Each structure stands twice: as C-alpha cells, then as structure tokens.
Amino acid sequence: MQPLKQVGSIFLYVLGGIGYLAIAAIIVGVSILIKFAALLLADKLLYTILIIGDLLRGIEIIELLNILVFAFIGMGFGIATKLLPPKYSRQISAALLIPIVPIVFMSTPAIRYNSWLDKVAESDNLSPTETATLTNSFLKRKVGVERFLGYYVYTGQFPVIPTKQSEMKDLDSFEKKVNSRFVQLTGVAPTIVSWSMRVCFWLIRIFYFCIAVIATIVHFREGVRIAGR
C-alpha cells in the first residue's frame, strides 16, 4: 500500500503542477489583456484631450491601473500555491513572480511601441522594413539607442513621439510645438519645462514600478493566507 500511496502523491503533485502553470499563464495573459484594453481606451478618451492629454500621456496616468493588475497577479499566484507541494509552494511562486512582474509591467510600453510603428507606417504609407529603418535611424540619432529600448528612453524624456517622417526630420520644430503647450499650461520657461519633464517622467516610472512590486507582494501574502485556510 505504501508504494501506491507514494505513486498517488506524485501523480497529484504532477497534476497540481500542471494546473498551477495553466493558472499562472491565464493570470499573466489576462493581466496583459487588461493593460492593453486600458491603453486603447486611454488613447481614445484621455490622451486626445487638448494640452492635458499630452501631459497625461507623459506621466503615463494609465499605469495607476497597476495597483489593480498586480494585486490580481499577486492574489492569483498566492492562491495557486495550494496546487504545489506545501514545502516549496511559496518559493516556487516567488521565483516565478520575480521575472513576471517586470515583464507584465513593461508590456504597456511594448504595446505603445508597436502602436507607434503602426502609426508611422500608416502616416507615410511605409512597408515594415522601411518603418523599422526610419524609426531606428530617428531613435539612434536622438537617444543613441534603437528599437524598443530607444523608444522607451525617448518617451522617458518627452511625452509625444513623432509619427511622420517630416516631423522626425524637423524634430526641433516638432518638440518646440509640443513644449509650447506645456509652457502655455504651466507658464514657466521652455528650458525648465524640458528638464522638469525628463526628471519627473523617470521618477514617475520608478514610482509606478514600486507600486507594482508592493501590490504584488502584499496580495501574494494575502493569497497564500487564503489558500492555507
């Protein structure tokens, strides 16, 4: 009977592990889907508001949703520990959450980057190859880095990124035009506005990431507590 019990226990653990991975995949997928839907709504409703829309885009106001998204992730992974061997359940979930939290967090700028490429291609009727060449050349010239990383660095210091080839070539005029909106809104000098945006936008990104981490940890512990009842 003892060998049969051991085989049964192993079978249950394997089954639980498969269920845990399935639930984890669903949680991550739903979280990214929520962020994607929220971003679409923000682009249509919030970021189109005159002057204020650019500011809201710059401070990535939609990232406040991280409180709910990462609370959902933490709670979900915490409850899912019930499917794992009790001795290692918390360690396994914590090890998975370490890469998952930044991946889900960075899904928003990744979505925005791909949306930007689509807008550039549509504006000038470019092929994917031409779009990649144009955008990479622009980002390399402006921030010294190409592709997604270059996009992330640029939008960390300026709220609006050009979507037309003519705007990328005459970037000074484009940035002055955008800056003038903030000068009009705040009443301070353009130089101060530019430096303030660079500092504030990066501090805001760090703040949002801290929110994501804290929300995940707090709700993961709560999920583990619920699973242990």
Protein backbone atom coordinates (compact mmCIF):
# COMPACT_ATOMS: atom_id res chain seq x y z
CA MET A 1 0.00 0.00 0.00
CA GLN A 2 2.85 2.38 0.79
CA PRO A 3 4.27 2.38 -2.79
CA LEU A 4 0.77 3.00 -4.15
CA LYS A 5 0.35 5.98 -1.83
CA GLN A 6 3.69 7.39 -2.98
CA VAL A 7 2.75 6.97 -6.64
CA GLY A 8 -0.61 8.60 -5.93
CA SER A 9 1.06 11.53 -4.18
CA ILE A 10 3.50 12.02 -7.06
CA PHE A 11 0.61 11.90 -9.54
CA LEU A 12 -1.29 14.54 -7.56
CA TYR A 13 1.77 16.78 -7.39
CA VAL A 14 2.33 16.48 -11.14
CA LEU A 15 -1.33 17.21 -11.79
CA GLY A 16 -1.20 20.15 -9.39
CA GLY A 17 1.94 21.47 -11.09
CA ILE A 18 0.26 21.37 -14.49
CA GLY A 19 -2.79 23.13 -13.08
CA TYR A 20 -0.56 25.73 -11.42
CA LEU A 21 1.27 26.51 -14.68
CA ALA A 22 -2.04 26.77 -16.54
CA ILE A 23 -3.43 29.19 -13.94
CA ALA A 24 -0.20 31.20 -13.98
CA ALA A 25 -0.37 31.53 -17.78
CA ILE A 26 -4.01 32.63 -17.59
CA ILE A 27 -3.25 35.22 -14.89
CA VAL A 28 -0.39 36.73 -16.92
CA GLY A 29 -2.42 36.68 -20.15
CA VAL A 30 -5.47 38.34 -18.55
CA SER A 31 -3.26 40.97 -16.89
CA ILE A 32 -1.62 41.95 -20.19
CA LEU A 33 -5.02 41.94 -21.90
CA ILE A 34 -6.40 44.33 -19.24
CA LYS A 35 -3.44 46.68 -19.71
CA PHE A 36 -3.88 46.53 -23.50
CA ALA A 37 -7.60 47.35 -23.28
CA ALA A 38 -6.95 50.18 -20.81
CA LEU A 39 -4.30 51.63 -23.10
CA LEU A 40 -6.67 51.61 -26.07
CA LEU A 41 -9.31 53.42 -24.03
CA ALA A 42 -6.76 55.95 -22.79
CA ASP A 43 -5.61 56.68 -26.36
CA LYS A 44 -9.19 57.32 -27.44
CA LEU A 45 -10.52 59.17 -24.39
CA LEU A 46 -7.75 60.63 -22.21
CA TYR A 47 -4.77 61.32 -24.46
CA THR A 48 -6.84 63.17 -27.05
CA ILE A 49 -7.71 65.98 -24.62
CA LEU A 50 -6.11 69.22 -25.79
CA ILE A 51 -2.85 70.05 -23.93
CA ILE A 52 -3.75 67.96 -20.88
CA GLY A 53 -3.74 64.79 -22.99
CA ASP A 54 -0.02 65.14 -23.72
CA LEU A 55 0.69 65.61 -20.02
CA LEU A 56 -1.37 62.56 -19.08
CA ARG A 57 0.46 60.51 -21.69
CA GLY A 58 3.81 61.75 -20.40
CA ILE A 59 3.09 60.77 -16.80
CA GLU A 60 1.56 57.51 -18.10
CA ILE A 61 -1.51 58.04 -15.95
CA ILE A 62 -2.98 54.72 -17.11
CA GLU A 63 -0.22 52.97 -15.15
CA LEU A 64 -2.16 53.71 -11.97
CA LEU A 65 -4.10 50.65 -13.07
CA ASN A 66 -1.03 48.70 -11.90
CA ILE A 67 -2.50 48.75 -8.40
CA LEU A 68 -5.35 46.51 -9.57
CA VAL A 69 -3.43 44.49 -12.16
CA PHE A 70 -0.59 43.49 -9.86
CA ALA A 71 -2.94 42.96 -6.94
CA PHE A 72 -4.70 40.45 -9.21
CA ILE A 73 -1.37 38.81 -10.11
CA GLY A 74 -0.20 38.60 -6.51
CA MET A 75 -3.51 37.25 -5.23
CA GLY A 76 -3.77 34.75 -8.08
CA PHE A 77 -0.28 33.36 -7.58
CA GLY A 78 -0.78 33.28 -3.84
CA ILE A 79 -3.97 31.22 -4.04
CA ALA A 80 -2.45 29.00 -6.73
CA THR A 81 0.26 27.87 -4.26
CA LYS A 82 -2.40 25.47 -2.94
CA LEU A 83 -1.71 23.32 -6.00
CA LEU A 84 2.00 22.96 -5.22
CA PRO A 85 3.81 20.86 -2.61
CA PRO A 86 3.45 22.85 0.66
CA LYS A 87 7.17 22.73 1.40
CA TYR A 88 8.17 24.59 -1.79
CA SER A 89 4.99 26.38 -2.87
CA ARG A 90 5.90 29.89 -1.73
CA GLN A 91 9.46 29.65 -3.04
CA ILE A 92 8.31 28.47 -6.48
CA SER A 93 5.71 31.23 -6.79
CA ALA A 94 8.15 33.90 -5.59
CA ALA A 95 10.77 32.72 -8.10
CA LEU A 96 8.23 32.98 -10.93
CA LEU A 97 6.97 36.39 -9.83
CA ILE A 98 10.46 37.91 -9.95
CA PRO A 99 10.60 37.86 -13.80
CA ILE A 100 6.81 38.04 -14.34
CA VAL A 101 6.31 41.39 -12.56
CA PRO A 102 8.77 43.38 -14.76
CA ILE A 103 7.58 41.57 -17.91
CA VAL A 104 3.94 42.50 -17.28
CA PHE A 105 4.98 45.99 -16.18
CA MET A 106 6.89 46.55 -19.44
CA SER A 107 4.02 45.24 -21.55
CA THR A 108 2.47 48.73 -21.69
CA PRO A 109 5.45 50.49 -23.32
CA ALA A 110 5.90 47.43 -25.58
CA ILE A 111 2.30 47.80 -26.77
CA ARG A 112 2.77 51.53 -27.24
CA TYR A 113 5.98 50.94 -29.21
CA ASN A 114 4.26 48.61 -31.66
CA SER A 115 1.34 51.03 -31.92
CA TRP A 116 3.81 53.80 -32.76
CA LEU A 117 5.37 51.70 -35.54
CA ASP A 118 1.89 51.11 -36.99
CA LYS A 119 1.12 54.84 -36.92
CA VAL A 120 4.43 55.71 -38.62
CA ALA A 121 3.79 53.11 -41.33
CA GLU A 122 0.26 54.38 -41.85
CA SER A 123 1.20 58.08 -41.90
CA ASP A 124 3.75 57.75 -44.71
CA ASN A 125 2.48 54.52 -46.30
CA LEU A 126 5.70 52.64 -45.49
CA SER A 127 6.49 48.94 -45.53
CA PRO A 128 7.52 47.23 -42.26
CA THR A 129 11.17 47.28 -43.36
CA GLU A 130 11.05 50.96 -44.27
CA THR A 131 9.29 51.75 -41.00
CA ALA A 132 11.93 49.90 -38.98
CA THR A 133 14.75 51.69 -40.84
CA LEU A 134 13.16 55.11 -40.37
CA THR A 135 12.30 54.71 -36.69
CA ASN A 136 15.62 53.10 -35.77
CA SER A 137 17.51 55.91 -37.54
CA PHE A 138 15.44 58.51 -35.69
CA LEU A 139 15.91 56.89 -32.27
CA LYS A 140 19.62 56.31 -32.86
CA ARG A 141 20.08 59.97 -33.78
CA LYS A 142 18.03 61.25 -30.87
CA VAL A 143 18.92 59.00 -27.91
CA GLY A 144 21.68 56.73 -29.28
CA VAL A 145 19.63 53.53 -28.95
CA GLU A 146 17.39 51.76 -31.46
CA ARG A 147 14.18 49.73 -31.34
CA PHE A 148 12.09 49.35 -28.19
CA LEU A 149 14.81 50.47 -25.79
CA GLY A 150 15.34 53.66 -27.77
CA TYR A 151 11.60 54.29 -27.78
CA TYR A 152 11.44 53.76 -24.01
CA VAL A 153 14.34 56.16 -23.38
CA TYR A 154 12.92 58.85 -25.67
CA THR A 155 9.42 58.73 -24.19
CA GLY A 156 11.01 58.90 -20.75
CA GLN A 157 12.21 62.42 -21.52
CA PHE A 158 9.50 63.66 -23.90
CA PRO A 159 5.76 62.87 -23.79
CA VAL A 160 4.99 62.84 -27.53
CA ILE A 161 6.92 60.97 -30.20
CA PRO A 162 6.63 61.99 -33.88
CA THR A 163 4.65 59.70 -36.17
CA LYS A 164 5.55 61.30 -39.52
CA GLN A 165 8.80 61.34 -41.44
CA SER A 166 8.60 65.13 -41.83
CA GLU A 167 8.30 65.55 -38.04
CA MET A 168 11.32 63.32 -37.43
CA LYS A 169 13.41 65.37 -39.87
CA ASP A 170 12.33 68.70 -38.37
CA LEU A 171 12.38 67.45 -34.80
CA ASP A 172 13.30 70.79 -33.24
CA SER A 173 10.15 72.38 -34.64
CA PHE A 174 8.05 69.41 -33.53
CA GLU A 175 9.39 69.45 -29.96
CA LYS A 176 9.05 73.23 -29.69
CA LYS A 177 5.43 72.92 -30.78
CA VAL A 178 4.74 70.33 -28.08
CA ASN A 179 6.74 72.26 -25.47
CA SER A 180 4.72 75.38 -26.18
CA ARG A 181 1.59 73.56 -25.00
CA PHE A 182 3.20 72.84 -21.63
CA VAL A 183 4.55 76.40 -21.40
CA GLN A 184 1.04 77.64 -22.08
CA LEU A 185 -0.34 75.30 -19.41
CA THR A 186 2.28 75.95 -16.69
CA GLY A 187 3.55 79.42 -17.55
CA VAL A 188 7.23 78.52 -16.97
CA ALA A 189 10.22 78.80 -19.32
CA PRO A 190 10.65 76.14 -22.08
CA THR A 191 14.08 75.07 -20.75
CA ILE A 192 12.66 74.43 -17.29
CA VAL A 193 9.75 72.52 -18.83
CA SER A 194 12.13 70.24 -20.78
CA TRP A 195 14.32 69.38 -17.79
CA SER A 196 11.32 69.01 -15.49
CA MET A 197 9.73 66.52 -17.88
CA ARG A 198 12.89 64.41 -18.06
CA VAL A 199 13.25 64.20 -14.28
CA CYS A 200 9.55 63.79 -13.49
CA PHE A 201 8.81 61.17 -16.14
CA TRP A 202 11.58 58.85 -14.94
CA LEU A 203 10.68 59.35 -11.28
CA ILE A 204 7.06 58.56 -12.14
CA ARG A 205 8.12 55.35 -13.91
CA ILE A 206 10.10 54.26 -10.85
CA PHE A 207 7.12 55.14 -8.65
CA TYR A 208 4.74 53.04 -10.78
CA PHE A 209 7.12 50.08 -10.69
CA CYS A 210 7.35 50.33 -6.91
CA ILE A 211 3.55 50.30 -6.76
CA ALA A 212 3.53 47.17 -8.91
CA VAL A 213 6.03 45.38 -6.68
CA ILE A 214 4.34 46.37 -3.41
CA ALA A 215 0.85 45.46 -4.69
CA THR A 216 2.15 42.06 -5.83
CA ILE A 217 3.89 41.25 -2.53
CA VAL A 218 1.00 42.36 -0.30
CA HIS A 219 -1.66 40.48 -2.26
CA PHE A 220 0.57 37.43 -2.75
CA ARG A 221 0.80 37.07 1.01
CA GLU A 222 -2.95 37.50 1.29
CA GLY A 223 -3.48 34.85 -1.38
CA VAL A 224 -1.19 32.43 0.43
CA ARG A 225 -3.13 33.06 3.64
CA ILE A 226 -6.44 32.35 1.89
CA ALA A 227 -5.01 29.19 0.31
CA GLY A 228 -3.89 27.95 3.71
CA ARG A 229 -7.37 28.07 5.22
